[in-house]
Amino acid sequence: MPNEGEIRPGYEFPADNEFWQYSLRVYALPGVADLCLLWQEQYGINVNILLWSAWLEHEGVQVTDALLDEVIAGADPWGEKVIVTIRNLRRDLKKRDLGPVGIPKSLSSMRESLLKTELKAEQCLQSWLYGVAVEFLSAPESIHETQIPHGANIDLYLRATIGDKTNIAPMIQQWLELSGEQNPAKPT
């Protein structure tokens, strides 16, 4: 494990891993994508870290404050410099009048390409998050629980991101209902 305050290096884990598959499954559930995007816009939530927190809870692993701090510090530069930049460009193309060069069919194709690039950048981040989880789980101090309080990891992440300025209890309940995670986590 890195020393306190030290960011974990990049990992060479497959992009198509258990976490990625969990994310695809949960994000496709009715209402989850809309909720994630709302929280992203309203509160600055990093959807990938939200899903990572939920996935670990689903797997019976409780995230610690130190691990979450490290993940936020490691993910934020990639999220801000790469993912958000691509997302903003894609959104700009959707709402701008680009004159005669901006032929709708061409713009649509370009936006599709940017969306694929954005998803690939998100998958790269998720691969790194997966590697962090794998390393954390191999450490003796990691907390493996068979029963984690429902929404404990989501609660920790939301508090770290939006603090106490918002009542997050209803947010957690909404996440649990939409994601289908009301049932106790089961270790795999």
C-alpha atoms as a PDB file:
ATOM      1  CA  MET A   1       0.000   0.000   0.000  1.00  0.00           C
ATOM      2  CA  PRO A   2       1.228   3.519  -0.717  1.00  0.00           C
ATOM      3  CA  ASN A   3       2.153   5.817   2.124  1.00  0.00           C
ATOM      4  CA  GLU A   4      -0.512   8.193   3.363  1.00  0.00           C
ATOM      5  CA  GLY A   5      -1.173  10.916   0.817  1.00  0.00           C
ATOM      6  CA  GLU A   6       0.550   8.987  -1.976  1.00  0.00           C
ATOM      7  CA  ILE A   7      -1.513   8.246  -5.075  1.00  0.00           C
ATOM      8  CA  ARG A   8      -1.519   4.689  -6.372  1.00  0.00           C
ATOM      9  CA  PRO A   9       0.183   4.286  -9.727  1.00  0.00           C
ATOM     10  CA  GLY A  10      -1.636   3.270 -12.887  1.00  0.00           C
ATOM     11  CA  TYR A  11      -2.717  -0.327 -13.201  1.00  0.00           C
ATOM     12  CA  GLU A  12      -2.695  -2.746 -16.057  1.00  0.00           C
ATOM     13  CA  PHE A  13      -6.031  -4.376 -15.401  1.00  0.00           C
ATOM     14  CA  PRO A  14      -8.422  -5.362 -18.148  1.00  0.00           C
ATOM     15  CA  ALA A  15     -10.903  -2.655 -19.032  1.00  0.00           C
ATOM     16  CA  ASP A  16     -13.689  -5.233 -19.170  1.00  0.00           C
ATOM     17  CA  ASN A  17     -13.692  -6.381 -15.547  1.00  0.00           C
ATOM     18  CA  GLU A  18     -16.280  -7.169 -12.859  1.00  0.00           C
ATOM     19  CA  PHE A  19     -16.601  -3.526 -11.866  1.00  0.00           C
ATOM     20  CA  TRP A  20     -17.180  -2.411 -15.466  1.00  0.00           C
ATOM     21  CA  GLN A  21     -19.846  -5.096 -15.921  1.00  0.00           C
ATOM     22  CA  TYR A  22     -21.525  -4.077 -12.646  1.00  0.00           C
ATOM     23  CA  SER A  23     -21.503  -0.431 -13.791  1.00  0.00           C
ATOM     24  CA  LEU A  24     -23.064  -1.254 -17.146  1.00  0.00           C
ATOM     25  CA  ARG A  25     -25.767  -3.353 -15.493  1.00  0.00           C
ATOM     26  CA  VAL A  26     -26.666  -0.839 -12.776  1.00  0.00           C
ATOM     27  CA  TYR A  27     -26.431   2.232 -15.006  1.00  0.00           C
ATOM     28  CA  ALA A  28     -28.894   0.622 -17.437  1.00  0.00           C
ATOM     29  CA  LEU A  29     -31.545   0.148 -14.720  1.00  0.00           C
ATOM     30  CA  PRO A  30     -34.559   2.450 -15.064  1.00  0.00           C
ATOM     31  CA  GLY A  31     -33.858   5.825 -13.462  1.00  0.00           C
ATOM     32  CA  VAL A  32     -30.220   5.197 -12.488  1.00  0.00           C
ATOM     33  CA  ALA A  33     -28.611   7.049 -15.403  1.00  0.00           C
ATOM     34  CA  ASP A  34     -30.917  10.034 -14.909  1.00  0.00           C
ATOM     35  CA  LEU A  35     -30.157  10.110 -11.186  1.00  0.00           C
ATOM     36  CA  CYS A  36     -26.394   9.845 -11.779  1.00  0.00           C
ATOM     37  CA  LEU A  37     -26.448  12.663 -14.321  1.00  0.00           C
ATOM     38  CA  LEU A  38     -28.602  14.840 -12.065  1.00  0.00           C
ATOM     39  CA  TRP A  39     -26.192  14.358  -9.147  1.00  0.00           C
ATOM     40  CA  GLN A  40     -23.242  14.958 -11.456  1.00  0.00           C
ATOM     41  CA  GLU A  41     -24.692  18.295 -12.584  1.00  0.00           C
ATOM     42  CA  GLN A  42     -26.194  19.376  -9.262  1.00  0.00           C
ATOM     43  CA  TYR A  43     -23.516  18.251  -6.797  1.00  0.00           C
ATOM     44  CA  GLY A  44     -20.385  17.533  -8.824  1.00  0.00           C
ATOM     45  CA  ILE A  45     -20.585  13.798  -8.159  1.00  0.00           C
ATOM     46  CA  ASN A  46     -18.097  11.656 -10.069  1.00  0.00           C
ATOM     47  CA  VAL A  47     -20.404   8.934 -11.379  1.00  0.00           C
ATOM     48  CA  ASN A  48     -17.510   6.472 -11.682  1.00  0.00           C
ATOM     49  CA  ILE A  49     -16.586   6.846  -8.007  1.00  0.00           C
ATOM     50  CA  LEU A  50     -20.263   6.582  -7.066  1.00  0.00           C
ATOM     51  CA  LEU A  51     -20.547   3.319  -9.000  1.00  0.00           C
ATOM     52  CA  TRP A  52     -17.232   2.073  -7.577  1.00  0.00           C
ATOM     53  CA  SER A  53     -18.470   2.734  -4.036  1.00  0.00           C
ATOM     54  CA  ALA A  54     -21.721   0.919  -4.782  1.00  0.00           C
ATOM     55  CA  TRP A  55     -19.917  -2.002  -6.433  1.00  0.00           C
ATOM     56  CA  LEU A  56     -17.613  -2.511  -3.447  1.00  0.00           C
ATOM     57  CA  GLU A  57     -20.590  -2.413  -1.101  1.00  0.00           C
ATOM     58  CA  HIS A  58     -22.366  -4.927  -3.345  1.00  0.00           C
ATOM     59  CA  GLU A  59     -19.282  -7.131  -2.984  1.00  0.00           C
ATOM     60  CA  GLY A  60     -19.323  -6.793   0.818  1.00  0.00           C
ATOM     61  CA  VAL A  61     -16.386  -4.390   1.083  1.00  0.00           C
ATOM     62  CA  GLN A  62     -16.591  -1.251   3.164  1.00  0.00           C
ATOM     63  CA  VAL A  63     -14.651   1.727   1.819  1.00  0.00           C
ATOM     64  CA  THR A  64     -12.495   3.559   4.365  1.00  0.00           C
ATOM     65  CA  ASP A  65     -12.090   7.331   4.607  1.00  0.00           C
ATOM     66  CA  ALA A  66      -8.415   7.040   3.641  1.00  0.00           C
ATOM     67  CA  LEU A  67      -9.135   4.883   0.596  1.00  0.00           C
ATOM     68  CA  LEU A  68     -11.911   7.184  -0.568  1.00  0.00           C
ATOM     69  CA  ASP A  69      -9.696  10.263  -0.161  1.00  0.00           C
ATOM     70  CA  GLU A  70      -7.006   8.567  -2.215  1.00  0.00           C
ATOM     71  CA  VAL A  71      -9.456   7.540  -4.925  1.00  0.00           C
ATOM     72  CA  ILE A  72     -10.932  11.035  -5.185  1.00  0.00           C
ATOM     73  CA  ALA A  73      -7.447  12.582  -5.390  1.00  0.00           C
ATOM     74  CA  GLY A  74      -6.364  10.068  -8.025  1.00  0.00           C
ATOM     75  CA  ALA A  75      -9.527  10.190 -10.134  1.00  0.00           C
ATOM     76  CA  ASP A  76     -10.170  13.929 -10.151  1.00  0.00           C
ATOM     77  CA  PRO A  77      -7.326  14.939 -12.509  1.00  0.00           C
ATOM     78  CA  TRP A  78      -8.352  12.357 -15.135  1.00  0.00           C
ATOM     79  CA  GLY A  79     -12.004  13.225 -14.714  1.00  0.00           C
ATOM     80  CA  GLU A  80     -11.456  16.961 -15.013  1.00  0.00           C
ATOM     81  CA  LYS A  81      -8.748  17.027 -17.689  1.00  0.00           C
ATOM     82  CA  VAL A  82      -9.983  14.213 -19.903  1.00  0.00           C
ATOM     83  CA  ILE A  83     -13.576  13.122 -19.309  1.00  0.00           C
ATOM     84  CA  VAL A  84     -15.082  16.551 -18.623  1.00  0.00           C
ATOM     85  CA  THR A  85     -13.176  18.119 -21.530  1.00  0.00           C
ATOM     86  CA  ILE A  86     -14.526  15.515 -23.964  1.00  0.00           C
ATOM     87  CA  ARG A  87     -18.038  15.775 -22.478  1.00  0.00           C
ATOM     88  CA  ASN A  88     -18.077  19.566 -22.763  1.00  0.00           C
ATOM     89  CA  LEU A  89     -16.920  19.460 -26.371  1.00  0.00           C
ATOM     90  CA  ARG A  90     -19.620  16.891 -27.203  1.00  0.00           C
ATOM     91  CA  ARG A  91     -22.283  19.028 -25.500  1.00  0.00           C
ATOM     92  CA  ASP A  92     -21.058  22.194 -27.218  1.00  0.00           C
ATOM     93  CA  LEU A  93     -21.423  20.570 -30.623  1.00  0.00           C
ATOM     94  CA  LYS A  94     -25.007  19.726 -29.769  1.00  0.00           C
ATOM     95  CA  LYS A  95     -26.095  23.238 -28.927  1.00  0.00           C
ATOM     96  CA  ARG A  96     -24.058  25.514 -31.175  1.00  0.00           C
ATOM     97  CA  ASP A  97     -24.864  26.922 -34.561  1.00  0.00           C
ATOM     98  CA  LEU A  98     -21.660  26.204 -36.445  1.00  0.00           C
ATOM     99  CA  GLY A  99     -22.692  27.760 -39.740  1.00  0.00           C
ATOM    100  CA  PRO A 100     -22.554  25.990 -43.106  1.00  0.00           C
ATOM    101  CA  VAL A 101     -19.725  23.688 -41.990  1.00  0.00           C
ATOM    102  CA  GLY A 102     -21.851  22.367 -39.141  1.00  0.00           C
ATOM    103  CA  ILE A 103     -23.988  20.111 -41.273  1.00  0.00           C
ATOM    104  CA  PRO A 104     -26.332  18.229 -38.907  1.00  0.00           C
ATOM    105  CA  LYS A 105     -25.383  14.762 -40.187  1.00  0.00           C
ATOM    106  CA  SER A 106     -21.667  15.496 -39.767  1.00  0.00           C
ATOM    107  CA  LEU A 107     -22.198  16.935 -36.308  1.00  0.00           C
ATOM    108  CA  SER A 108     -24.259  13.961 -35.277  1.00  0.00           C
ATOM    109  CA  SER A 109     -21.498  11.599 -36.379  1.00  0.00           C
ATOM    110  CA  MET A 110     -18.883  13.692 -34.583  1.00  0.00           C
ATOM    111  CA  ARG A 111     -20.949  13.738 -31.364  1.00  0.00           C
ATOM    112  CA  GLU A 112     -21.308   9.948 -31.576  1.00  0.00           C
ATOM    113  CA  SER A 113     -17.537   9.611 -31.914  1.00  0.00           C
ATOM    114  CA  LEU A 114     -16.990  11.919 -28.946  1.00  0.00           C
ATOM    115  CA  LEU A 115     -19.505   9.945 -26.874  1.00  0.00           C
ATOM    116  CA  LYS A 116     -17.597   6.734 -27.640  1.00  0.00           C
ATOM    117  CA  THR A 117     -14.340   8.468 -26.699  1.00  0.00           C
ATOM    118  CA  GLU A 118     -15.905   9.755 -23.468  1.00  0.00           C
ATOM    119  CA  LEU A 119     -17.087   6.248 -22.576  1.00  0.00           C
ATOM    120  CA  LYS A 120     -13.617   4.863 -23.325  1.00  0.00           C
ATOM    121  CA  ALA A 121     -12.103   7.501 -21.013  1.00  0.00           C
ATOM    122  CA  GLU A 122     -14.614   6.510 -18.325  1.00  0.00           C
ATOM    123  CA  GLN A 123     -13.665   2.865 -18.822  1.00  0.00           C
ATOM    124  CA  CYS A 124      -9.976   3.770 -18.378  1.00  0.00           C
ATOM    125  CA  LEU A 125     -10.833   5.455 -15.086  1.00  0.00           C
ATOM    126  CA  GLN A 126     -12.883   2.460 -14.023  1.00  0.00           C
ATOM    127  CA  SER A 127      -9.979   0.155 -14.847  1.00  0.00           C
ATOM    128  CA  TRP A 128      -7.792   2.230 -12.520  1.00  0.00           C
ATOM    129  CA  LEU A 129     -10.489   2.169  -9.818  1.00  0.00           C
ATOM    130  CA  TYR A 130     -10.740  -1.594 -10.226  1.00  0.00           C
ATOM    131  CA  GLY A 131      -6.970  -1.877  -9.730  1.00  0.00           C
ATOM    132  CA  VAL A 132      -7.180   0.227  -6.570  1.00  0.00           C
ATOM    133  CA  ALA A 133      -9.899  -2.098  -5.270  1.00  0.00           C
ATOM    134  CA  VAL A 134      -7.883  -5.224  -6.086  1.00  0.00           C
ATOM    135  CA  GLU A 135      -4.842  -3.832  -4.267  1.00  0.00           C
ATOM    136  CA  PHE A 136      -6.971  -2.710  -1.316  1.00  0.00           C
ATOM    137  CA  LEU A 137      -8.576  -6.131  -1.000  1.00  0.00           C
ATOM    138  CA  SER A 138      -5.165  -7.799  -0.903  1.00  0.00           C
ATOM    139  CA  ALA A 139      -4.059  -5.613   2.031  1.00  0.00           C
ATOM    140  CA  PRO A 140      -4.551  -7.037   5.536  1.00  0.00           C
ATOM    141  CA  GLU A 141      -6.126  -3.805   6.804  1.00  0.00           C
ATOM    142  CA  SER A 142      -8.948  -3.853   4.258  1.00  0.00           C
ATOM    143  CA  ILE A 143     -12.377  -4.380   5.729  1.00  0.00           C
ATOM    144  CA  HIS A 144     -14.269  -7.343   4.300  1.00  0.00           C
ATOM    145  CA  GLU A 145     -17.716  -7.584   5.784  1.00  0.00           C
ATOM    146  CA  THR A 146     -20.528  -9.936   5.032  1.00  0.00           C
ATOM    147  CA  GLN A 147     -23.051  -7.292   6.052  1.00  0.00           C
ATOM    148  CA  ILE A 148     -22.438  -3.622   5.407  1.00  0.00           C
ATOM    149  CA  PRO A 149     -25.140  -1.149   6.395  1.00  0.00           C
ATOM    150  CA  HIS A 150     -27.196  -0.381   3.293  1.00  0.00           C
ATOM    151  CA  GLY A 151     -25.783   2.651   1.551  1.00  0.00           C
ATOM    152  CA  ALA A 152     -22.722   2.968   3.825  1.00  0.00           C
ATOM    153  CA  ASN A 153     -20.249   3.441   0.962  1.00  0.00           C
ATOM    154  CA  ILE A 154     -22.612   5.771  -0.903  1.00  0.00           C
ATOM    155  CA  ASP A 155     -23.108   7.769   2.299  1.00  0.00           C
ATOM    156  CA  LEU A 156     -19.348   8.083   2.759  1.00  0.00           C
ATOM    157  CA  TYR A 157     -18.817   9.248  -0.821  1.00  0.00           C
ATOM    158  CA  LEU A 158     -21.707  11.723  -0.831  1.00  0.00           C
ATOM    159  CA  ARG A 159     -20.558  13.239   2.469  1.00  0.00           C
ATOM    160  CA  ALA A 160     -16.999  13.536   1.135  1.00  0.00           C
ATOM    161  CA  THR A 161     -18.256  15.228  -2.018  1.00  0.00           C
ATOM    162  CA  ILE A 162     -21.166  17.430  -0.967  1.00  0.00           C
ATOM    163  CA  GLY A 163     -20.625  17.577   2.781  1.00  0.00           C
ATOM    164  CA  ASP A 164     -23.423  18.376   5.178  1.00  0.00           C
ATOM    165  CA  LYS A 165     -25.022  21.114   3.100  1.00  0.00           C
ATOM    166  CA  THR A 166     -27.619  18.680   1.787  1.00  0.00           C
ATOM    167  CA  ASN A 167     -29.683  16.041   3.553  1.00  0.00           C
ATOM    168  CA  ILE A 168     -28.256  12.966   1.883  1.00  0.00           C
ATOM    169  CA  ALA A 169     -30.461  10.348   3.574  1.00  0.00           C
ATOM    170  CA  PRO A 170     -33.171  10.666   0.889  1.00  0.00           C
ATOM    171  CA  MET A 171     -30.481  10.562  -1.792  1.00  0.00           C
ATOM    172  CA  ILE A 172     -29.126   7.300  -0.408  1.00  0.00           C
ATOM    173  CA  GLN A 173     -32.617   5.821  -0.216  1.00  0.00           C
ATOM    174  CA  GLN A 174     -33.297   6.846  -3.801  1.00  0.00           C
ATOM    175  CA  TRP A 175     -30.024   5.226  -4.931  1.00  0.00           C
ATOM    176  CA  LEU A 176     -30.804   1.994  -3.073  1.00  0.00           C
ATOM    177  CA  GLU A 177     -34.274   1.782  -4.600  1.00  0.00           C
ATOM    178  CA  LEU A 178     -33.200   2.495  -8.171  1.00  0.00           C
ATOM    179  CA  SER A 179     -30.047   0.368  -8.107  1.00  0.00           C
ATOM    180  CA  GLY A 180     -31.815  -2.622  -6.559  1.00  0.00           C
ATOM    181  CA  GLU A 181     -29.351  -2.674  -3.662  1.00  0.00           C
ATOM    182  CA  GLN A 182     -31.902  -2.705  -0.825  1.00  0.00           C
ATOM    183  CA  ASN A 183     -31.027  -6.317  -0.063  1.00  0.00           C
ATOM    184  CA  PRO A 184     -27.974  -7.078   2.093  1.00  0.00           C
ATOM    185  CA  ALA A 185     -24.678  -7.338   0.256  1.00  0.00           C
ATOM    186  CA  LYS A 186     -23.526 -10.885  -0.371  1.00  0.00           C
ATOM    187  CA  PRO A 187     -19.838 -11.710  -0.553  1.00  0.00           C
ATOM    188  CA  THR A 188     -18.764 -13.439  -3.725  1.00  0.00           C
END
